[in-house]
Protein backbone atom coordinates (compact mmCIF):
# COMPACT_ATOMS: atom_id res chain seq x y z
CA MET A 1 -21.13 22.14 -26.53
CA GLU A 2 -24.29 21.20 -27.92
CA GLU A 3 -23.72 19.54 -30.61
CA LEU A 4 -21.63 17.17 -29.23
CA ILE A 5 -24.06 16.33 -26.04
CA GLU A 6 -26.35 15.51 -28.48
CA ALA A 7 -23.65 13.11 -30.97
CA LEU A 8 -23.03 11.71 -27.54
CA SER A 9 -26.44 10.97 -26.73
CA SER A 10 -27.89 9.57 -29.84
CA GLY A 11 -24.53 7.29 -29.79
CA SER A 12 -22.58 9.14 -32.79
CA LEU A 13 -19.56 9.85 -30.06
CA ARG A 14 -18.67 7.92 -27.71
CA LEU A 15 -17.48 9.43 -24.15
CA HIS A 16 -13.81 8.26 -24.54
CA GLU A 17 -13.64 9.65 -28.14
CA LEU A 18 -13.74 13.15 -26.99
CA ASP A 19 -10.69 13.30 -25.36
CA VAL A 20 -8.92 12.93 -28.86
CA LYS A 21 -11.59 15.11 -30.26
CA LEU A 22 -11.12 18.17 -27.58
CA GLY A 23 -7.97 17.57 -25.47
CA SER A 24 -8.33 15.92 -21.27
CA LYS A 25 -9.09 19.27 -20.13
CA GLU A 26 -12.49 20.47 -22.04
CA ALA A 27 -13.74 16.28 -22.87
CA THR A 28 -13.56 16.16 -18.70
CA ARG A 29 -15.63 19.37 -19.27
CA VAL A 30 -18.28 18.02 -21.59
CA ARG A 31 -18.22 14.50 -20.02
CA ARG A 32 -19.95 16.30 -16.72
CA SER A 33 -22.19 18.54 -18.80
CA PHE A 34 -23.13 15.12 -20.99
CA LEU A 35 -24.12 13.04 -17.71
CA GLU A 36 -25.72 16.19 -15.15
CA ARG A 37 -27.97 16.26 -18.66
CA VAL A 38 -28.62 12.29 -19.22
CA THR A 39 -29.31 11.62 -15.13
CA GLY A 40 -30.75 15.13 -13.74
CA ALA A 41 -28.12 15.52 -11.63
CA ASP A 42 -25.61 18.35 -10.17
CA LEU A 43 -21.82 17.16 -11.01
CA SER A 44 -20.69 20.26 -10.31
CA ALA A 45 -18.96 19.03 -7.21
CA LEU A 46 -16.28 16.67 -9.14
CA ASP A 47 -15.11 19.99 -11.08
CA ALA A 48 -11.29 20.39 -9.89
CA ASP A 49 -8.64 22.09 -11.41
CA LEU A 50 -6.16 19.31 -12.77
CA PRO A 51 -3.97 18.33 -15.12
CA TYR A 52 -6.14 15.81 -17.34
CA ASP A 53 -4.27 15.67 -20.31
CA GLN A 54 -1.68 14.33 -17.92
CA ILE A 55 -3.93 12.39 -16.13
CA VAL A 56 -5.95 10.24 -18.66
CA GLY A 57 -3.34 7.78 -20.41
CA ARG A 58 -1.52 7.15 -17.43
CA ASN A 59 -4.02 7.26 -14.38
CA CYS A 60 -7.77 7.63 -15.08
CA GLU A 61 -10.01 7.41 -17.94
CA ASN A 62 -13.21 9.08 -19.15
CA THR A 63 -12.66 11.41 -16.82
CA ILE A 64 -15.44 13.72 -15.16
CA GLY A 65 -13.46 15.70 -12.26
CA ALA A 66 -12.01 14.89 -8.91
CA VAL A 67 -13.55 14.03 -5.51
CA ALA A 68 -12.25 16.08 -2.80
CA ILE A 69 -10.95 13.82 0.27
CA PRO A 70 -10.64 15.57 4.10
CA VAL A 71 -6.84 15.55 4.69
CA GLY A 72 -6.09 15.95 8.58
CA VAL A 73 -1.81 15.89 9.78
CA ALA A 74 -0.57 13.45 12.99
CA GLY A 75 2.16 14.29 15.29
CA PRO A 76 4.98 15.05 14.91
CA LEU A 77 6.20 10.99 15.09
CA PRO A 78 9.78 10.91 16.03
CA VAL A 79 10.67 8.55 13.93
CA GLU A 80 14.57 6.42 13.50
CA GLY A 81 14.74 4.34 10.67
CA SER A 82 17.09 2.71 9.06
CA ASP A 83 19.24 5.16 7.75
CA PHE A 84 17.28 9.06 9.24
CA ARG A 85 16.26 10.48 12.25
CA ARG A 86 13.42 12.95 12.44
CA GLU A 87 10.22 14.12 13.31
CA VAL A 88 7.37 13.51 10.88
CA TYR A 89 4.14 14.76 10.45
CA VAL A 90 1.86 11.95 8.49
CA PRO A 91 -0.58 13.32 6.24
CA LEU A 92 -3.77 10.97 6.47
CA ALA A 93 -6.85 11.43 4.28
CA THR A 94 -9.71 9.96 5.87
CA THR A 95 -13.65 10.62 6.42
CA GLU A 96 -13.72 9.12 9.61
CA GLY A 97 -12.91 10.94 12.24
CA ALA A 98 -10.86 10.16 15.28
CA LEU A 99 -9.11 8.43 12.85
CA VAL A 100 -6.47 11.93 12.81
CA ALA A 101 -6.94 11.84 16.52
CA THR A 102 -5.58 8.29 17.45
CA VAL A 103 -2.45 8.24 15.13
CA ASN A 104 -2.02 11.66 16.69
CA ARG A 105 -2.60 10.68 20.26
CA GLY A 106 -0.64 7.84 19.79
CA ALA A 107 2.47 10.51 18.63
CA SER A 108 2.40 12.55 21.74
CA ALA A 109 2.89 9.32 23.80
CA ILE A 110 5.54 8.11 21.57
CA ARG A 111 7.05 11.80 22.08
CA ARG A 112 6.92 11.93 24.90
CA SER A 113 8.59 8.50 25.56
CA GLY A 114 11.49 8.57 22.90
CA TRP A 115 11.76 7.26 19.35
CA VAL A 116 10.28 4.79 17.23
CA ARG A 117 12.57 2.78 15.62
CA SER A 118 11.02 1.11 12.46
CA ARG A 119 13.91 -0.63 10.29
CA THR A 120 13.40 -2.43 6.62
CA LEU A 121 13.58 -6.25 6.98
CA SER A 122 12.99 -6.98 3.13
CA ASP A 123 11.93 -5.03 -0.13
CA ARG A 124 11.00 -6.79 -3.40
CA MET A 125 8.21 -7.10 -5.79
CA THR A 126 6.88 -9.84 -7.22
CA ARG A 127 4.94 -11.29 -10.04
CA ALA A 128 4.20 -15.03 -10.73
CA PRO A 129 3.22 -16.24 -13.81
CA VAL A 130 1.93 -19.59 -14.83
CA LEU A 131 3.05 -22.17 -17.35
CA GLU A 132 1.53 -25.05 -18.76
CA THR A 133 3.72 -28.10 -18.93
CA PRO A 134 2.76 -31.43 -20.68
CA ASP A 135 3.28 -33.51 -17.11
CA LEU A 136 4.32 -33.73 -14.22
CA ASP A 137 8.29 -34.38 -14.86
CA HIS A 138 8.47 -31.53 -17.40
CA SER A 139 7.36 -29.18 -15.10
CA ILE A 140 10.20 -30.53 -12.41
CA GLU A 141 12.67 -30.29 -15.36
CA LEU A 142 11.10 -26.78 -16.12
CA ALA A 143 11.83 -25.58 -11.70
CA ARG A 144 14.99 -27.22 -11.77
CA TRP A 145 16.40 -25.56 -14.91
CA VAL A 146 14.91 -22.10 -13.50
CA GLU A 147 16.63 -22.65 -10.15
CA GLN A 148 20.13 -23.07 -12.14
CA ASN A 149 19.80 -20.26 -14.76
CA LEU A 150 19.11 -17.33 -12.74
CA GLU A 151 21.66 -15.50 -14.97
CA ARG A 152 20.36 -15.40 -18.08
CA LEU A 153 16.67 -14.96 -17.08
CA ARG A 154 18.15 -11.87 -15.14
CA SER A 155 19.54 -10.43 -18.04
CA ALA A 156 16.18 -10.84 -19.60
CA PHE A 157 14.34 -9.30 -16.97
CA ARG A 158 17.40 -6.99 -16.78
CA SER A 159 16.52 -5.77 -20.56
CA THR A 160 13.00 -4.26 -19.68
CA THR A 161 14.09 -1.38 -16.93
CA SER A 162 17.15 0.49 -15.72
CA HIS A 163 15.28 1.12 -12.58
CA GLY A 164 14.88 -2.63 -11.14
CA ASP A 165 16.54 -5.90 -11.07
CA LEU A 166 15.79 -10.06 -10.83
CA ILE A 167 16.91 -10.90 -7.31
CA ARG A 168 15.15 -14.55 -6.82
CA VAL A 169 12.77 -16.82 -8.97
CA VAL A 170 10.77 -19.66 -6.52
CA PRO A 171 8.87 -22.27 -8.52
CA PHE A 172 5.61 -23.98 -7.46
CA VAL A 173 4.74 -27.05 -9.10
CA VAL A 174 1.30 -28.42 -9.26
CA GLY A 175 1.33 -31.02 -11.36
CA LYS A 176 1.48 -29.95 -14.97
CA TYR A 177 1.33 -26.53 -13.84
CA VAL A 178 4.09 -24.04 -12.93
CA PHE A 179 4.01 -21.09 -11.05
CA LEU A 180 6.92 -19.21 -11.27
CA ARG A 181 7.48 -15.96 -8.04
CA MET A 182 9.71 -13.70 -9.14
CA GLU A 183 11.24 -11.69 -6.88
CA ALA A 184 12.60 -7.99 -7.81
CA SER A 185 13.77 -4.40 -6.62
CA THR A 186 12.55 -1.46 -8.26
CA GLY A 187 14.09 1.71 -7.08
CA ASP A 188 11.74 4.19 -5.69
CA ALA A 189 8.49 2.53 -7.40
CA MET A 190 6.26 0.34 -6.07
CA GLY A 191 7.11 -1.31 -9.52
CA MET A 192 4.04 -3.65 -9.88
CA ASN A 193 4.28 -2.71 -14.49
CA MET A 194 7.97 -2.85 -13.49
CA VAL A 195 8.17 -6.37 -13.17
CA THR A 196 4.97 -7.40 -14.81
CA ARG A 197 7.30 -6.44 -17.84
CA GLY A 198 10.09 -7.95 -16.79
CA ALA A 199 8.18 -10.90 -15.69
CA GLN A 200 6.88 -11.53 -19.42
CA ARG A 201 10.37 -10.92 -20.84
CA VAL A 202 11.50 -13.89 -19.11
CA VAL A 203 8.39 -16.23 -19.93
CA GLU A 204 9.31 -15.32 -23.87
CA GLU A 205 13.19 -16.43 -22.79
CA LEU A 206 11.63 -19.70 -21.55
CA LEU A 207 9.25 -20.31 -24.17
CA ARG A 208 12.32 -20.41 -27.00
CA GLU A 209 14.54 -22.76 -24.31
CA PHE A 210 10.91 -24.55 -23.79
CA PRO A 211 8.83 -25.34 -27.21
CA TRP A 212 6.48 -27.54 -25.25
CA LEU A 213 5.77 -24.72 -22.71
CA ARG A 214 2.76 -22.98 -22.81
CA HIS A 215 2.09 -19.60 -21.17
CA VAL A 216 -1.14 -19.44 -19.46
CA SER A 217 -0.93 -15.90 -17.72
CA VAL A 218 1.74 -13.60 -16.63
CA SER A 219 -0.36 -13.05 -13.25
CA GLY A 220 -0.96 -16.40 -11.58
CA ASN A 221 -2.83 -15.50 -8.30
CA LEU A 222 0.79 -16.44 -6.36
CA CYS A 223 2.51 -13.33 -6.69
CA THR A 224 0.05 -12.17 -4.65
CA ASP A 225 -1.77 -8.47 -5.45
CA LYS A 226 -4.61 -7.50 -4.15
CA LYS A 227 -5.47 -10.26 -2.14
CA ALA A 228 -4.61 -11.41 1.77
CA THR A 229 -2.51 -14.22 1.23
CA SER A 230 -0.21 -17.04 3.50
CA VAL A 231 2.53 -16.34 0.47
CA ASN A 232 2.46 -12.62 0.85
CA TRP A 233 2.24 -13.24 4.74
CA ILE A 234 5.27 -15.76 5.12
CA MET A 235 7.35 -15.01 1.94
CA GLY A 236 6.68 -11.19 2.00
CA ARG A 237 5.99 -8.47 -0.88
CA GLY A 238 7.22 -4.89 -1.37
CA LYS A 239 8.30 -4.21 1.62
CA SER A 240 8.45 -6.04 4.61
CA VAL A 241 9.16 -3.46 7.77
CA SER A 242 9.31 -3.96 11.52
CA ALA A 243 8.57 -0.93 14.00
CA GLU A 244 9.18 -0.62 17.63
CA ALA A 245 8.91 1.88 21.14
CA VAL A 246 8.49 1.39 24.51
CA ILE A 247 6.66 3.80 25.84
CA ARG A 248 6.99 4.43 30.32
CA ARG A 249 4.58 3.75 32.08
CA ASP A 250 4.04 7.12 33.91
CA VAL A 251 3.19 8.37 29.85
CA VAL A 252 0.56 5.00 29.53
CA SER A 253 -1.00 6.73 32.28
CA SER A 254 -1.27 10.32 31.77
CA VAL A 255 -1.19 10.49 27.76
CA LEU A 256 -3.51 7.11 27.05
CA LYS A 257 -5.23 6.66 30.17
CA THR A 258 -4.63 3.20 31.13
CA THR A 259 -2.12 0.42 31.85
CA PRO A 260 0.53 -1.12 30.46
CA GLU A 261 -0.96 -4.42 32.04
CA ALA A 262 -4.14 -3.81 30.76
CA ILE A 263 -2.65 -2.98 26.48
CA GLU A 264 -1.64 -5.81 27.26
CA ARG A 265 -4.12 -8.21 27.91
CA VAL A 266 -5.99 -7.08 25.23
CA VAL A 267 -3.29 -7.22 22.42
CA ARG A 268 -2.98 -10.95 23.98
CA ALA A 269 -7.25 -11.59 23.99
CA LYS A 270 -8.34 -9.59 20.63
CA LEU A 271 -5.70 -9.51 18.51
CA HIS A 272 -4.21 -12.72 18.96
CA LEU A 273 -6.65 -15.01 20.54
CA GLY A 274 -9.39 -13.39 18.69
CA SER A 275 -7.67 -13.02 15.12
CA ALA A 276 -6.06 -17.18 15.77
CA ARG A 277 -9.75 -18.07 16.24
CA ALA A 278 -11.20 -16.31 13.81
CA GLY A 279 -9.18 -17.73 11.37
CA THR A 280 -7.28 -14.32 9.81
CA ILE A 281 -4.68 -14.07 7.67
CA GLY A 282 -2.45 -11.74 8.83
CA GLY A 283 -5.45 -9.79 10.43
CA PHE A 284 -3.50 -10.20 13.89
CA SER A 285 -3.88 -5.73 14.63
CA ALA A 286 -6.47 -3.32 15.97
CA HIS A 287 -6.98 -1.18 12.74
CA ILE A 288 -3.64 -0.87 11.00
CA ALA A 289 -5.84 -1.14 7.38
CA ASN A 290 -7.19 2.82 8.86
CA VAL A 291 -3.78 4.02 8.77
CA ILE A 292 -2.19 2.74 5.65
CA ALA A 293 -5.37 3.69 3.70
CA ALA A 294 -5.54 7.18 4.70
CA VAL A 295 -1.60 7.66 4.14
CA PHE A 296 -2.10 5.73 0.74
CA ILE A 297 -5.44 7.62 -0.35
CA ALA A 298 -3.08 10.70 0.56
CA THR A 299 0.21 10.09 -1.47
CA GLY A 300 -0.95 8.34 -4.31
CA GLN A 301 -0.69 4.72 -3.56
CA ASP A 302 -2.45 2.24 -4.59
CA PRO A 303 -5.60 1.94 -2.95
CA ALA A 304 -6.68 -1.99 -3.52
CA GLN A 305 -3.19 -3.15 -2.22
CA VAL A 306 -4.27 -1.99 1.39
CA VAL A 307 -5.66 -5.64 1.46
CA GLU A 308 -2.14 -7.15 1.36
CA SER A 309 -0.54 -4.18 2.86
CA SER A 310 -2.26 -3.92 6.31
CA MET A 311 -1.85 -7.33 7.14
CA ALA A 312 0.24 -7.06 9.82
CA ILE A 313 1.08 -8.49 13.56
CA THR A 314 1.02 -6.33 16.86
CA TYR A 315 2.58 -7.49 19.67
CA ALA A 316 2.68 -6.25 23.09
CA GLU A 317 4.59 -7.02 26.46
CA VAL A 318 5.14 -5.39 29.69
CA THR A 319 9.13 -4.23 30.39
CA GLU A 320 11.10 -6.01 33.75
CA SER A 321 10.80 -2.10 35.02
CA GLY A 322 6.98 -1.53 34.20
CA ASP A 323 6.92 0.04 30.98
CA LEU A 324 4.83 -0.95 27.69
CA TYR A 325 7.01 -2.23 24.50
CA LEU A 326 5.03 -2.47 21.32
CA SER A 327 5.65 -3.77 18.11
CA VAL A 328 4.27 -3.53 14.55
CA THR A 329 5.36 -5.97 12.31
CA LEU A 330 3.65 -5.40 7.86
CA PRO A 331 5.72 -8.36 6.16
CA SER A 332 3.84 -6.91 2.57
CA LEU A 333 3.97 -3.02 2.64
CA GLU A 334 3.18 -2.02 -1.24
CA VAL A 335 4.27 1.48 -1.14
CA GLY A 336 6.33 4.16 -3.73
CA THR A 337 7.32 7.30 -4.00
CA VAL A 338 6.97 7.79 -8.20
CA GLY A 339 5.30 6.33 -10.35
CA GLY A 340 1.50 5.91 -10.22
CA GLY A 341 0.06 8.85 -8.20
CA THR A 342 2.52 10.18 -7.13
CA TRP A 343 3.03 12.78 -9.24
CA LEU A 344 -0.18 14.31 -8.99
CA PRO A 345 0.13 17.97 -7.00
CA ALA A 346 -1.49 16.84 -4.20
CA GLN A 347 0.06 13.80 -3.55
CA ARG A 348 3.25 14.73 -4.16
CA ALA A 349 2.77 17.54 -1.91
CA ALA A 350 1.82 14.70 0.76
CA LEU A 351 4.90 12.94 0.01
CA ALA A 352 7.00 16.31 0.21
CA LEU A 353 5.80 16.76 3.78
CA MET A 354 7.15 13.63 5.06
CA GLY A 355 10.49 14.72 3.24
CA VAL A 356 10.20 11.45 0.58
CA ALA A 357 8.60 13.10 -2.48
CA GLY A 358 10.09 11.33 -5.96
CA SER A 359 13.53 9.73 -5.95
CA GLY A 360 16.03 8.96 -3.67
CA ASP A 361 19.81 8.56 -3.14
CA PRO A 362 20.72 6.08 -4.20
CA PRO A 363 17.37 4.99 -5.73
CA GLY A 364 15.44 3.26 -3.55
CA THR A 365 15.65 5.08 -0.22
CA ASN A 366 12.85 7.32 -1.05
CA ALA A 367 10.53 4.36 -0.48
CA ARG A 368 12.27 2.38 2.22
CA ARG A 369 11.86 5.91 4.30
CA PHE A 370 8.40 6.17 3.68
CA ALA A 371 7.56 2.92 4.29
CA GLU A 372 9.66 2.70 7.94
CA ILE A 373 7.90 6.08 8.07
CA VAL A 374 4.52 4.53 7.69
CA ALA A 375 4.85 1.61 10.01
CA SER A 376 5.77 4.21 12.67
CA ALA A 377 2.60 5.87 11.53
CA ALA A 378 1.18 2.27 11.94
CA LEU A 379 2.27 1.40 15.57
CA ALA A 380 0.77 5.29 17.07
CA GLY A 381 -2.19 4.37 15.47
CA GLU A 382 -2.24 1.01 17.20
CA LEU A 383 -0.66 2.84 20.53
CA SER A 384 -3.65 4.84 20.67
CA LEU A 385 -6.40 2.42 19.57
CA LEU A 386 -4.98 -0.26 22.30
CA ALA A 387 -5.32 2.57 24.94
CA ALA A 388 -9.03 3.19 24.06
CA LEU A 389 -10.10 -0.32 24.06
CA SER A 390 -8.16 -1.07 26.98
CA SER A 391 -9.84 1.77 29.09
CA HIS A 392 -13.40 1.49 27.56
CA HIS A 393 -12.66 4.71 26.16
CA LEU A 394 -13.65 3.94 22.22
CA VAL A 395 -17.57 4.47 22.04
CA GLU A 396 -16.90 8.03 23.88
CA ALA A 397 -14.21 9.42 21.62
CA HIS A 398 -15.84 8.29 18.45
CA GLU A 399 -19.20 9.81 19.86
CA ARG A 400 -16.92 12.72 20.96
CA LEU A 401 -14.99 13.17 17.36
CA GLY A 402 -16.98 10.91 14.86
CA ARG A 403 -20.43 12.17 15.20
CA ALA A 404 -20.53 15.73 15.39
CA LYS A 405 -24.17 17.34 14.17
CA ARG A 406 -24.48 18.87 10.83
């Protein structure tokens, strides 16, 4: 150990070289000890028994341990999906006091009134390479050729994977540049890497067809990944999902301590008028990002994709019978049940809790069901927070649940 730390200190050995020299489990321990030595920080809290030999090269580099995040559970939440109907317990990894209680209260109100109905509207992961042509006329020629030769491009895409398929290519011409927004099915994977490999192969096919074409980048930001954009808001990315529920008036009163009319007023004034005045892209909700982030961290999703996955519009109205109708629509929910961090022990357990771990039968089933559960949990969270806002109980709830004295 001392010899290794001396070598690291002198620069004759680099941190990333420890994995080859020692194996990633021991390398993790040595890196942590080295950092404690040079910084004086106590890093013992990062010590965690994880399969680092599988993690390195797959999920993380230069590992020094793991950060433990509290996981709470909300539910049971009654969800009627496209092809399933059951009560679900939803794991939420968070350090924000009151979040789990908020979703749990929403689930309770839904359970006393019926079910959340949740449906997947479309399922297409995207990647949009940007290509340079000699001039505008060449760009138009390329765009037209792409639209007329989808099957040839699909064959190229399919040569890279047995789990996905190219569904559509939408060209966007900007002068001498052409962005090809490729939409593909990806089974139970979120599918970003899968679509990127397929897109690269499609571009190679185009370069053979058009000698004057230049490949600028496999991603041209019209995909769009990890950014809040109008193209995702309008065209969708990943899973586009919508969920709805009707909450009885007496339940709104007894559980949520407010009225359907008051919730409708908050939705109209805050979520729609306020968000529109702020110029938001996809931010017509109360706090959907809270729920999406907590589920993503608990289940091994890509946390950076919370940006576009939490774009949403929440809608409410008082029904003719005086009850509350509430819906949540997420046009760009990017989730998977295989790949990424979903295989890690704790994250896989969280998916198993909801009955969606691993590959579905047929492929794509589990990821779709997972998306519909996430949308339902988001609706439960919206319902409870909107009730707290409309009854002016938000501050009191956070004081009670999120600010306990240490």
